């Protein structure tokens, strides 16, 4: 099986290490289950905020 890893953080309270941790966990899961990771997608988005 083949897969991609999508990692993101969406707020100021999360840090770049959050992305690395997500990739590490997903990679470990893939290795344990015979899944080949084809690519990493990283999204450093920010959550929507309201003007209220």
Protein backbone atom coordinates (compact mmCIF):
# COMPACT_ATOMS: atom_id res chain seq x y z
CA UNK A 1 0.00 0.00 0.00
CA UNK A 2 1.13 3.54 -0.70
CA UNK A 3 0.20 6.73 1.14
CA UNK A 4 1.09 10.35 1.75
CA UNK A 5 1.46 12.11 5.09
CA UNK A 6 -0.48 15.34 5.62
CA UNK A 7 0.69 17.26 8.68
CA UNK A 8 -0.56 20.66 9.77
CA UNK A 9 -0.80 23.09 12.58
CA UNK A 10 -3.31 25.86 12.74
CA UNK A 11 -2.68 28.14 15.67
CA UNK A 12 -0.04 30.25 17.35
CA UNK A 13 0.01 27.85 20.31
CA UNK A 14 1.36 25.03 18.15
CA UNK A 15 4.98 24.93 17.07
CA UNK A 16 7.05 23.51 14.23
CA UNK A 17 7.85 20.54 16.50
CA UNK A 18 4.18 19.64 16.22
CA UNK A 19 4.67 19.01 12.50
CA UNK A 20 7.77 16.89 13.14
CA UNK A 21 5.90 14.86 15.75
CA UNK A 22 3.01 14.19 13.38
CA UNK A 23 5.39 13.04 10.65
CA UNK A 24 7.29 10.84 13.11
CA UNK A 25 4.08 9.17 14.35
CA UNK A 26 2.69 8.65 10.84
CA UNK A 27 5.99 7.26 9.59
CA UNK A 28 6.18 4.80 12.47
CA UNK A 29 2.60 3.66 11.77
CA UNK A 30 3.39 3.23 8.07
CA UNK A 31 6.52 1.20 8.74
CA UNK A 32 4.68 -1.03 11.21
CA UNK A 33 1.91 -1.69 8.69
CA UNK A 34 3.91 -2.10 5.49
CA UNK A 35 2.82 1.21 3.99
CA UNK A 36 5.16 3.09 1.65
CA UNK A 37 5.14 6.86 2.18
CA UNK A 38 5.35 8.64 -1.17
CA UNK A 39 5.33 12.26 -0.05
CA UNK A 40 4.84 14.63 2.89
CA UNK A 41 2.44 17.55 2.64
CA UNK A 42 2.93 20.19 5.31
CA UNK A 43 0.36 22.91 5.98
CA UNK A 44 1.33 25.75 8.26
CA UNK A 45 -2.14 27.25 8.20
CA UNK A 46 -3.80 29.52 10.71
CA UNK A 47 -7.31 28.94 11.99
CA UNK A 48 -10.02 31.31 10.92
CA UNK A 49 -10.64 34.18 13.29
CA UNK A 50 -13.73 36.29 13.71
CA UNK A 51 -14.04 40.03 14.15
CA UNK A 52 -16.50 39.65 17.02
